[in-house]
Amino acid sequence: PEAFRIAAQAQKGKLDMPPERAVRLACRDVFRSSGLLSRIIPGIE
């Protein structure tokens, strides 16, 4: 979802940075807000 959200902004000319960098920053934020790291290892098990 973050990739498509950033792609929409890029296609509308609303980004002030390369889309790849914007995606990386968005992924960093969603990893933190979702608590993904705390769920991956229990999910593997």
All heavy atoms as atom14 arrays in JSON, in Angstrom:
{
  "sequence": "PEAFRIAAQAQKGKLDMPPERAVRLACRDVFRSSGLLSRIIPGIE",
  "atom14_mask": [
    [1, 1, 1, 1, 1, 1, 1, 0, 0, 0, 0, 0, 0, 0],
    [1, 1, 1, 1, 1, 1, 1, 1, 1, 0, 0, 0, 0, 0],
    [1, 1, 1, 1, 1, 0, 0, 0, 0, 0, 0, 0, 0, 0],
    [1, 1, 1, 1, 1, 1, 1, 1, 1, 1, 1, 0, 0, 0],
    [1, 1, 1, 1, 1, 1, 1, 1, 1, 1, 1, 0, 0, 0],
    [1, 1, 1, 1, 1, 1, 1, 1, 0, 0, 0, 0, 0, 0],
    [1, 1, 1, 1, 1, 0, 0, 0, 0, 0, 0, 0, 0, 0],
    [1, 1, 1, 1, 1, 0, 0, 0, 0, 0, 0, 0, 0, 0],
    [1, 1, 1, 1, 1, 1, 1, 1, 1, 0, 0, 0, 0, 0],
    [1, 1, 1, 1, 1, 0, 0, 0, 0, 0, 0, 0, 0, 0],
    [1, 1, 1, 1, 1, 1, 1, 1, 1, 0, 0, 0, 0, 0],
    [1, 1, 1, 1, 1, 1, 1, 1, 1, 0, 0, 0, 0, 0],
    [1, 1, 1, 1, 0, 0, 0, 0, 0, 0, 0, 0, 0, 0],
    [1, 1, 1, 1, 1, 1, 1, 1, 1, 0, 0, 0, 0, 0],
    [1, 1, 1, 1, 1, 1, 1, 1, 0, 0, 0, 0, 0, 0],
    [1, 1, 1, 1, 1, 1, 1, 1, 0, 0, 0, 0, 0, 0],
    [1, 1, 1, 1, 1, 1, 1, 1, 0, 0, 0, 0, 0, 0],
    [1, 1, 1, 1, 1, 1, 1, 0, 0, 0, 0, 0, 0, 0],
    [1, 1, 1, 1, 1, 1, 1, 0, 0, 0, 0, 0, 0, 0],
    [1, 1, 1, 1, 1, 1, 1, 1, 1, 0, 0, 0, 0, 0],
    [1, 1, 1, 1, 1, 1, 1, 1, 1, 1, 1, 0, 0, 0],
    [1, 1, 1, 1, 1, 0, 0, 0, 0, 0, 0, 0, 0, 0],
    [1, 1, 1, 1, 1, 1, 1, 0, 0, 0, 0, 0, 0, 0],
    [1, 1, 1, 1, 1, 1, 1, 1, 1, 1, 1, 0, 0, 0],
    [1, 1, 1, 1, 1, 1, 1, 1, 0, 0, 0, 0, 0, 0],
    [1, 1, 1, 1, 1, 0, 0, 0, 0, 0, 0, 0, 0, 0],
    [1, 1, 1, 1, 1, 1, 0, 0, 0, 0, 0, 0, 0, 0],
    [1, 1, 1, 1, 1, 1, 1, 1, 1, 1, 1, 0, 0, 0],
    [1, 1, 1, 1, 1, 1, 1, 1, 0, 0, 0, 0, 0, 0],
    [1, 1, 1, 1, 1, 1, 1, 0, 0, 0, 0, 0, 0, 0],
    [1, 1, 1, 1, 1, 1, 1, 1, 1, 1, 1, 0, 0, 0],
    [1, 1, 1, 1, 1, 1, 1, 1, 1, 1, 1, 0, 0, 0],
    [1, 1, 1, 1, 1, 1, 0, 0, 0, 0, 0, 0, 0, 0],
    [1, 1, 1, 1, 1, 1, 0, 0, 0, 0, 0, 0, 0, 0],
    [1, 1, 1, 1, 0, 0, 0, 0, 0, 0, 0, 0, 0, 0],
    [1, 1, 1, 1, 1, 1, 1, 1, 0, 0, 0, 0, 0, 0],
    [1, 1, 1, 1, 1, 1, 1, 1, 0, 0, 0, 0, 0, 0],
    [1, 1, 1, 1, 1, 1, 0, 0, 0, 0, 0, 0, 0, 0],
    [1, 1, 1, 1, 1, 1, 1, 1, 1, 1, 1, 0, 0, 0],
    [1, 1, 1, 1, 1, 1, 1, 1, 0, 0, 0, 0, 0, 0],
    [1, 1, 1, 1, 1, 1, 1, 1, 0, 0, 0, 0, 0, 0],
    [1, 1, 1, 1, 1, 1, 1, 0, 0, 0, 0, 0, 0, 0],
    [1, 1, 1, 1, 0, 0, 0, 0, 0, 0, 0, 0, 0, 0],
    [1, 1, 1, 1, 1, 1, 1, 1, 0, 0, 0, 0, 0, 0],
    [1, 1, 1, 1, 1, 1, 1, 1, 1, 0, 0, 0, 0, 0]
  ],
  "atom14_positions": [
    [[0.82, -1.22, 0.0], [0.0, 0.0, 0.0], [0.85, 1.27, 0.0], [0.49, 2.26, -0.65], [-0.82, -0.13, 1.29], [-0.89, -1.59, 1.56], [0.44, -2.13, 1.11], [0.0, 0.0, 0.0], [0.0, 0.0, 0.0], [0.0, 0.0, 0.0], [0.0, 0.0, 0.0], [0.0, 0.0, 0.0], [0.0, 0.0, 0.0], [0.0, 0.0, 0.0]],
    [[1.97, 1.26, 0.72], [2.84, 2.43, 0.75], [3.45, 2.68, -0.63], [3.6, 3.84, -1.05], [3.95, 2.26, 1.8], [3.45, 2.22, 3.22], [2.7, 3.48, 3.58], [3.22, 4.59, 3.35], [1.56, 3.37, 4.09], [0.0, 0.0, 0.0], [0.0, 0.0, 0.0], [0.0, 0.0, 0.0], [0.0, 0.0, 0.0], [0.0, 0.0, 0.0]],
    [[3.8, 1.61, -1.33], [4.37, 1.76, -2.68], [3.37, 2.43, -3.62], [3.73, 3.34, -4.38], [4.8, 0.4, -3.22], [0.0, 0.0, 0.0], [0.0, 0.0, 0.0], [0.0, 0.0, 0.0], [0.0, 0.0, 0.0], [0.0, 0.0, 0.0], [0.0, 0.0, 0.0], [0.0, 0.0, 0.0], [0.0, 0.0, 0.0], [0.0, 0.0, 0.0]],
    [[2.12, 2.01, -3.57], [1.11, 2.6, -4.45], [0.78, 4.03, -4.02], [0.52, 4.89, -4.86], [-0.14, 1.73, -4.48], [-0.05, 0.59, -5.45], [0.26, -0.7, -5.02], [-0.24, 0.78, -6.81], [0.35, -1.75, -5.91], [-0.14, -0.27, -7.71], [0.16, -1.54, -7.26], [0.0, 0.0, 0.0], [0.0, 0.0, 0.0], [0.0, 0.0, 0.0]],
    [[0.8, 4.3, -2.72], [0.54, 5.66, -2.25], [1.62, 6.62, -2.75], [1.31, 7.72, -3.25], [0.48, 5.68, -0.73], [0.13, 7.03, -0.14], [0.03, 6.97, 1.38], [1.3, 6.66, 2.01], [2.26, 7.55, 2.26], [2.08, 8.83, 1.9], [3.38, 7.2, 2.85], [0.0, 0.0, 0.0], [0.0, 0.0, 0.0], [0.0, 0.0, 0.0]],
    [[2.87, 6.21, -2.65], [3.98, 7.06, -3.12], [3.94, 7.18, -4.64], [4.19, 8.26, -5.2], [5.33, 6.49, -2.66], [5.4, 6.46, -1.13], [6.48, 7.29, -3.25], [5.3, 7.82, -0.47], [0.0, 0.0, 0.0], [0.0, 0.0, 0.0], [0.0, 0.0, 0.0], [0.0, 0.0, 0.0], [0.0, 0.0, 0.0], [0.0, 0.0, 0.0]],
    [[3.62, 6.08, -5.33], [3.53, 6.13, -6.8], [2.47, 7.13, -7.25], [2.66, 7.86, -8.24], [3.23, 4.74, -7.35], [0.0, 0.0, 0.0], [0.0, 0.0, 0.0], [0.0, 0.0, 0.0], [0.0, 0.0, 0.0], [0.0, 0.0, 0.0], [0.0, 0.0, 0.0], [0.0, 0.0, 0.0], [0.0, 0.0, 0.0], [0.0, 0.0, 0.0]],
    [[1.35, 7.18, -6.53], [0.29, 8.14, -6.87], [0.79, 9.56, -6.71], [0.54, 10.43, -7.57], [-0.93, 7.9, -5.98], [0.0, 0.0, 0.0], [0.0, 0.0, 0.0], [0.0, 0.0, 0.0], [0.0, 0.0, 0.0], [0.0, 0.0, 0.0], [0.0, 0.0, 0.0], [0.0, 0.0, 0.0], [0.0, 0.0, 0.0], [0.0, 0.0, 0.0]],
    [[1.52, 9.84, -5.64], [2.07, 11.18, -5.44], [3.07, 11.52, -6.53], [3.1, 12.66, -7.02], [2.73, 11.26, -4.06], [1.76, 11.15, -2.9], [2.46, 11.23, -1.55], [3.69, 11.33, -1.49], [1.69, 11.17, -0.48], [0.0, 0.0, 0.0], [0.0, 0.0, 0.0], [0.0, 0.0, 0.0], [0.0, 0.0, 0.0], [0.0, 0.0, 0.0]],
    [[3.9, 10.55, -6.91], [4.91, 10.8, -7.95], [4.25, 11.08, -9.3], [4.68, 11.99, -10.03], [5.85, 9.6, -8.06], [0.0, 0.0, 0.0], [0.0, 0.0, 0.0], [0.0, 0.0, 0.0], [0.0, 0.0, 0.0], [0.0, 0.0, 0.0], [0.0, 0.0, 0.0], [0.0, 0.0, 0.0], [0.0, 0.0, 0.0], [0.0, 0.0, 0.0]],
    [[3.21, 10.32, -9.63], [2.53, 10.53, -10.91], [1.83, 11.88, -10.97], [1.64, 12.43, -12.05], [1.54, 9.39, -11.17], [2.21, 8.06, -11.51], [1.2, 6.97, -11.81], [0.02, 7.05, -11.49], [1.68, 5.9, -12.44], [0.0, 0.0, 0.0], [0.0, 0.0, 0.0], [0.0, 0.0, 0.0], [0.0, 0.0, 0.0], [0.0, 0.0, 0.0]],
    [[1.47, 12.42, -9.81], [0.82, 13.74, -9.76], [1.81, 14.88, -9.55], [1.41, 16.03, -9.4], [-0.22, 13.74, -8.64], [-1.36, 12.75, -8.85], [-2.26, 12.67, -7.62], [-3.34, 11.62, -7.8], [-4.17, 11.45, -6.58], [0.0, 0.0, 0.0], [0.0, 0.0, 0.0], [0.0, 0.0, 0.0], [0.0, 0.0, 0.0], [0.0, 0.0, 0.0]],
    [[3.11, 14.55, -9.52], [4.13, 15.57, -9.35], [4.17, 16.18, -7.96], [4.6, 17.33, -7.79], [0.0, 0.0, 0.0], [0.0, 0.0, 0.0], [0.0, 0.0, 0.0], [0.0, 0.0, 0.0], [0.0, 0.0, 0.0], [0.0, 0.0, 0.0], [0.0, 0.0, 0.0], [0.0, 0.0, 0.0], [0.0, 0.0, 0.0], [0.0, 0.0, 0.0]],
    [[3.78, 15.42, -6.93], [3.71, 15.96, -5.58], [4.88, 15.51, -4.7], [4.86, 15.74, -3.49], [2.4, 15.54, -4.92], [1.16, 16.14, -5.58], [-0.1, 15.74, -4.84], [-1.34, 16.38, -5.46], [-2.59, 16.0, -4.75], [0.0, 0.0, 0.0], [0.0, 0.0, 0.0], [0.0, 0.0, 0.0], [0.0, 0.0, 0.0], [0.0, 0.0, 0.0]],
    [[5.91, 14.89, -5.28], [7.06, 14.46, -4.5], [8.21, 15.44, -4.67], [8.46, 15.94, -5.76], [7.53, 13.06, -4.95], [6.73, 11.85, -4.47], [7.41, 10.58, -4.96], [6.61, 11.83, -2.96], [0.0, 0.0, 0.0], [0.0, 0.0, 0.0], [0.0, 0.0, 0.0], [0.0, 0.0, 0.0], [0.0, 0.0, 0.0], [0.0, 0.0, 0.0]],
    [[8.92, 15.69, -3.57], [10.1, 16.55, -3.63], [11.39, 15.75, -3.51], [12.44, 16.29, -3.15], [10.05, 17.61, -2.54], [9.94, 17.01, -1.14], [9.87, 15.77, -1.04], [9.93, 17.78, -0.17], [0.0, 0.0, 0.0], [0.0, 0.0, 0.0], [0.0, 0.0, 0.0], [0.0, 0.0, 0.0], [0.0, 0.0, 0.0], [0.0, 0.0, 0.0]],
    [[11.31, 14.46, -3.76], [12.47, 13.56, -3.7], [12.23, 12.4, -4.66], [11.1, 12.19, -5.12], [12.66, 13.04, -2.27], [11.51, 12.16, -1.77], [11.75, 11.57, -0.08], [11.47, 13.07, 0.86], [0.0, 0.0, 0.0], [0.0, 0.0, 0.0], [0.0, 0.0, 0.0], [0.0, 0.0, 0.0], [0.0, 0.0, 0.0], [0.0, 0.0, 0.0]],
    [[13.27, 11.62, -5.0], [13.06, 10.45, -5.86], [12.05, 9.49, -5.22], [12.03, 9.33, -4.0], [14.45, 9.81, -5.94], [15.39, 10.92, -5.65], [14.7, 11.81, -4.67], [0.0, 0.0, 0.0], [0.0, 0.0, 0.0], [0.0, 0.0, 0.0], [0.0, 0.0, 0.0], [0.0, 0.0, 0.0], [0.0, 0.0, 0.0], [0.0, 0.0, 0.0]],
    [[11.19, 8.86, -6.02], [10.17, 7.98, -5.44], [10.75, 6.83, -4.63], [10.16, 6.41, -3.64], [9.38, 7.48, -6.66], [10.24, 7.77, -7.84], [11.05, 8.96, -7.49], [0.0, 0.0, 0.0], [0.0, 0.0, 0.0], [0.0, 0.0, 0.0], [0.0, 0.0, 0.0], [0.0, 0.0, 0.0], [0.0, 0.0, 0.0], [0.0, 0.0, 0.0]],
    [[11.92, 6.31, -5.05], [12.51, 5.2, -4.31], [12.85, 5.61, -2.88], [12.63, 4.86, -1.93], [13.77, 4.68, -5.01], [13.51, 4.02, -6.36], [13.5, 5.02, -7.5], [13.53, 6.24, -7.24], [13.47, 4.57, -8.66], [0.0, 0.0, 0.0], [0.0, 0.0, 0.0], [0.0, 0.0, 0.0], [0.0, 0.0, 0.0], [0.0, 0.0, 0.0]],
    [[13.39, 6.83, -2.73], [13.71, 7.32, -1.38], [12.44, 7.53, -0.57], [12.38, 7.19, 0.62], [14.51, 8.62, -1.47], [14.75, 9.27, -0.11], [15.72, 10.45, -0.2], [15.75, 11.21, 1.03], [16.34, 10.83, 2.15], [16.97, 9.66, 2.18], [16.31, 11.59, 3.23], [0.0, 0.0, 0.0], [0.0, 0.0, 0.0], [0.0, 0.0, 0.0]],
    [[11.42, 8.08, -1.19], [10.16, 8.28, -0.49], [9.57, 6.95, -0.02], [9.01, 6.85, 1.08], [9.16, 9.01, -1.39], [0.0, 0.0, 0.0], [0.0, 0.0, 0.0], [0.0, 0.0, 0.0], [0.0, 0.0, 0.0], [0.0, 0.0, 0.0], [0.0, 0.0, 0.0], [0.0, 0.0, 0.0], [0.0, 0.0, 0.0], [0.0, 0.0, 0.0]],
    [[9.7, 5.92, -0.85], [9.2, 4.6, -0.49], [9.98, 4.05, 0.71], [9.39, 3.5, 1.65], [9.29, 3.64, -1.69], [9.09, 2.19, -1.24], [8.25, 3.99, -2.72], [0.0, 0.0, 0.0], [0.0, 0.0, 0.0], [0.0, 0.0, 0.0], [0.0, 0.0, 0.0], [0.0, 0.0, 0.0], [0.0, 0.0, 0.0], [0.0, 0.0, 0.0]],
    [[11.28, 4.2, 0.69], [12.09, 3.7, 1.8], [11.71, 4.38, 3.11], [11.57, 3.71, 4.15], [13.57, 3.93, 1.51], [14.15, 2.92, 0.55], [15.48, 3.33, -0.02], [16.3, 4.14, 0.84], [17.43, 4.72, 0.44], [17.84, 4.56, -0.81], [18.14, 5.45, 1.27], [0.0, 0.0, 0.0], [0.0, 0.0, 0.0], [0.0, 0.0, 0.0]],
    [[11.5, 5.67, 3.08], [11.09, 6.38, 4.3], [9.71, 5.93, 4.76], [9.46, 5.76, 5.96], [11.09, 7.89, 4.04], [12.47, 8.52, 3.78], [12.31, 10.0, 3.41], [13.38, 8.37, 4.97], [0.0, 0.0, 0.0], [0.0, 0.0, 0.0], [0.0, 0.0, 0.0], [0.0, 0.0, 0.0], [0.0, 0.0, 0.0], [0.0, 0.0, 0.0]],
    [[8.81, 5.71, 3.81], [7.46, 5.24, 4.16], [7.51, 3.84, 4.75], [6.79, 3.54, 5.72], [6.56, 5.27, 2.92], [0.0, 0.0, 0.0], [0.0, 0.0, 0.0], [0.0, 0.0, 0.0], [0.0, 0.0, 0.0], [0.0, 0.0, 0.0], [0.0, 0.0, 0.0], [0.0, 0.0, 0.0], [0.0, 0.0, 0.0], [0.0, 0.0, 0.0]],
    [[8.36, 2.98, 4.19], [8.5, 1.62, 4.73], [9.07, 1.65, 6.14], [8.61, 0.91, 7.02], [9.39, 0.78, 3.82], [8.64, 0.34, 2.23], [0.0, 0.0, 0.0], [0.0, 0.0, 0.0], [0.0, 0.0, 0.0], [0.0, 0.0, 0.0], [0.0, 0.0, 0.0], [0.0, 0.0, 0.0], [0.0, 0.0, 0.0], [0.0, 0.0, 0.0]],
    [[10.06, 2.5, 6.36], [10.62, 2.65, 7.71], [9.52, 3.0, 8.71], [9.44, 2.42, 9.8], [11.68, 3.73, 7.69], [12.3, 4.04, 9.06], [12.94, 5.41, 9.06], [11.95, 6.48, 8.87], [12.26, 7.76, 8.67], [13.52, 8.13, 8.62], [11.3, 8.66, 8.52], [0.0, 0.0, 0.0], [0.0, 0.0, 0.0], [0.0, 0.0, 0.0]],
    [[8.65, 3.93, 8.33], [7.59, 4.37, 9.24], [6.56, 3.27, 9.47], [6.08, 3.08, 10.6], [6.92, 5.62, 8.69], [7.85, 6.83, 8.69], [8.86, 6.8, 9.43], [7.58, 7.78, 7.93], [0.0, 0.0, 0.0], [0.0, 0.0, 0.0], [0.0, 0.0, 0.0], [0.0, 0.0, 0.0], [0.0, 0.0, 0.0], [0.0, 0.0, 0.0]],
    [[6.21, 2.54, 8.42], [5.18, 1.51, 8.58], [5.74, 0.32, 9.36], [5.0, -0.33, 10.11], [4.61, 1.08, 7.21], [5.53, 0.1, 6.48], [3.24, 0.44, 7.39], [0.0, 0.0, 0.0], [0.0, 0.0, 0.0], [0.0, 0.0, 0.0], [0.0, 0.0, 0.0], [0.0, 0.0, 0.0], [0.0, 0.0, 0.0], [0.0, 0.0, 0.0]],
    [[7.03, 0.03, 9.22], [7.63, -1.03, 10.03], [7.52, -0.68, 11.51], [7.22, -1.52, 12.34], [9.1, -1.23, 9.66], [9.32, -1.82, 8.29], [10.51, -1.58, 7.61], [8.36, -2.6, 7.68], [10.73, -2.11, 6.35], [8.56, -3.14, 6.41], [9.75, -2.89, 5.75], [0.0, 0.0, 0.0], [0.0, 0.0, 0.0], [0.0, 0.0, 0.0]],
    [[7.77, 0.6, 11.82], [7.71, 1.03, 13.22], [6.27, 1.05, 13.73], [5.98, 0.53, 14.81], [8.33, 2.42, 13.36], [8.36, 2.92, 14.8], [8.87, 4.36, 14.89], [10.24, 4.47, 14.42], [10.62, 5.22, 13.39], [9.72, 5.93, 12.73], [11.88, 5.29, 13.02], [0.0, 0.0, 0.0], [0.0, 0.0, 0.0], [0.0, 0.0, 0.0]],
    [[5.37, 1.63, 12.96], [3.99, 1.77, 13.44], [3.26, 0.44, 13.55], [2.38, 0.27, 14.4], [3.21, 2.72, 12.52], [3.11, 2.18, 11.21], [0.0, 0.0, 0.0], [0.0, 0.0, 0.0], [0.0, 0.0, 0.0], [0.0, 0.0, 0.0], [0.0, 0.0, 0.0], [0.0, 0.0, 0.0], [0.0, 0.0, 0.0], [0.0, 0.0, 0.0]],
    [[3.6, -0.51, 12.69], [2.93, -1.81, 12.7], [3.56, -2.8, 13.67], [3.01, -3.88, 13.92], [2.94, -2.42, 11.29], [4.27, -2.72, 10.87], [0.0, 0.0, 0.0], [0.0, 0.0, 0.0], [0.0, 0.0, 0.0], [0.0, 0.0, 0.0], [0.0, 0.0, 0.0], [0.0, 0.0, 0.0], [0.0, 0.0, 0.0], [0.0, 0.0, 0.0]],
    [[4.76, -2.46, 14.21], [5.44, -3.39, 15.1], [5.83, -4.68, 14.4], [5.83, -5.76, 15.0], [0.0, 0.0, 0.0], [0.0, 0.0, 0.0], [0.0, 0.0, 0.0], [0.0, 0.0, 0.0], [0.0, 0.0, 0.0], [0.0, 0.0, 0.0], [0.0, 0.0, 0.0], [0.0, 0.0, 0.0], [0.0, 0.0, 0.0], [0.0, 0.0, 0.0]],
    [[6.19, -4.57, 13.12], [6.42, -5.77, 12.32], [7.54, -6.64, 12.87], [7.43, -7.88, 12.87], [6.73, -5.37, 10.87], [6.92, -6.52, 9.87], [5.69, -7.4, 9.82], [7.23, -5.97, 8.48], [0.0, 0.0, 0.0], [0.0, 0.0, 0.0], [0.0, 0.0, 0.0], [0.0, 0.0, 0.0], [0.0, 0.0, 0.0], [0.0, 0.0, 0.0]],
    [[8.63, -6.04, 13.34], [9.76, -6.83, 13.83], [9.35, -7.76, 14.98], [9.89, -8.85, 15.12], [10.88, -5.91, 14.28], [11.89, -5.5, 13.21], [12.85, -4.46, 13.76], [12.65, -6.7, 12.69], [0.0, 0.0, 0.0], [0.0, 0.0, 0.0], [0.0, 0.0, 0.0], [0.0, 0.0, 0.0], [0.0, 0.0, 0.0], [0.0, 0.0, 0.0]],
    [[8.42, -7.32, 15.79], [7.99, -8.15, 16.93], [7.13, -9.32, 16.49], [6.87, -10.23, 17.29], [7.23, -7.29, 17.94], [6.01, -6.82, 17.39], [0.0, 0.0, 0.0], [0.0, 0.0, 0.0], [0.0, 0.0, 0.0], [0.0, 0.0, 0.0], [0.0, 0.0, 0.0], [0.0, 0.0, 0.0], [0.0, 0.0, 0.0], [0.0, 0.0, 0.0]],
    [[6.68, -9.31, 15.24], [5.77, -10.35, 14.77], [6.41, -11.36, 13.83], [5.88, -12.46, 13.65], [4.57, -9.71, 14.05], [3.69, -8.87, 14.95], [2.45, -8.4, 14.22], [2.75, -7.3, 13.31], [2.1, -7.08, 12.17], [1.14, -7.89, 11.8], [2.41, -6.04, 11.42], [0.0, 0.0, 0.0], [0.0, 0.0, 0.0], [0.0, 0.0, 0.0]],
    [[7.55, -11.01, 13.23], [8.09, -11.88, 12.18], [8.59, -13.21, 12.74], [8.22, -14.28, 12.24], [9.22, -11.16, 11.41], [8.66, -9.99, 10.61], [9.91, -12.15, 10.47], [9.7, -9.25, 9.8], [0.0, 0.0, 0.0], [0.0, 0.0, 0.0], [0.0, 0.0, 0.0], [0.0, 0.0, 0.0], [0.0, 0.0, 0.0], [0.0, 0.0, 0.0]],
    [[9.43, -13.17, 13.79], [9.98, -14.43, 14.29], [8.89, -15.35, 14.86], [8.87, -16.54, 14.54], [11.09, -14.16, 15.32], [12.3, -13.53, 14.61], [11.51, -15.44, 16.04], [13.47, -13.19, 15.52], [0.0, 0.0, 0.0], [0.0, 0.0, 0.0], [0.0, 0.0, 0.0], [0.0, 0.0, 0.0], [0.0, 0.0, 0.0], [0.0, 0.0, 0.0]],
    [[7.94, -14.86, 15.68], [6.84, -15.75, 16.08], [6.05, -16.27, 14.88], [5.57, -17.42, 14.9], [5.97, -14.85, 16.97], [6.9, -13.82, 17.49], [7.86, -13.56, 16.38], [0.0, 0.0, 0.0], [0.0, 0.0, 0.0], [0.0, 0.0, 0.0], [0.0, 0.0, 0.0], [0.0, 0.0, 0.0], [0.0, 0.0, 0.0], [0.0, 0.0, 0.0]],
    [[5.92, -15.45, 13.83], [5.22, -15.91, 12.63], [5.95, -17.05, 11.94], [5.33, -18.0, 11.43], [0.0, 0.0, 0.0], [0.0, 0.0, 0.0], [0.0, 0.0, 0.0], [0.0, 0.0, 0.0], [0.0, 0.0, 0.0], [0.0, 0.0, 0.0], [0.0, 0.0, 0.0], [0.0, 0.0, 0.0], [0.0, 0.0, 0.0], [0.0, 0.0, 0.0]],
    [[7.28, -16.97, 11.91], [8.08, -18.06, 11.32], [7.83, -19.36, 12.08], [7.58, -20.42, 11.49], [9.58, -17.7, 11.35], [9.87, -16.5, 10.44], [10.42, -18.9, 10.91], [11.3, -15.99, 10.54], [0.0, 0.0, 0.0], [0.0, 0.0, 0.0], [0.0, 0.0, 0.0], [0.0, 0.0, 0.0], [0.0, 0.0, 0.0], [0.0, 0.0, 0.0]],
    [[7.9, -19.27, 13.4], [7.7, -20.47, 14.23], [6.3, -21.06, 14.02], [6.13, -22.27, 13.96], [7.9, -20.11, 15.71], [9.27, -19.56, 16.05], [10.36, -20.61, 16.01], [10.05, -21.81, 16.2], [11.53, -20.25, 15.78], [0.0, 0.0, 0.0], [0.0, 0.0, 0.0], [0.0, 0.0, 0.0], [0.0, 0.0, 0.0], [0.0, 0.0, 0.0]]
  ]
}
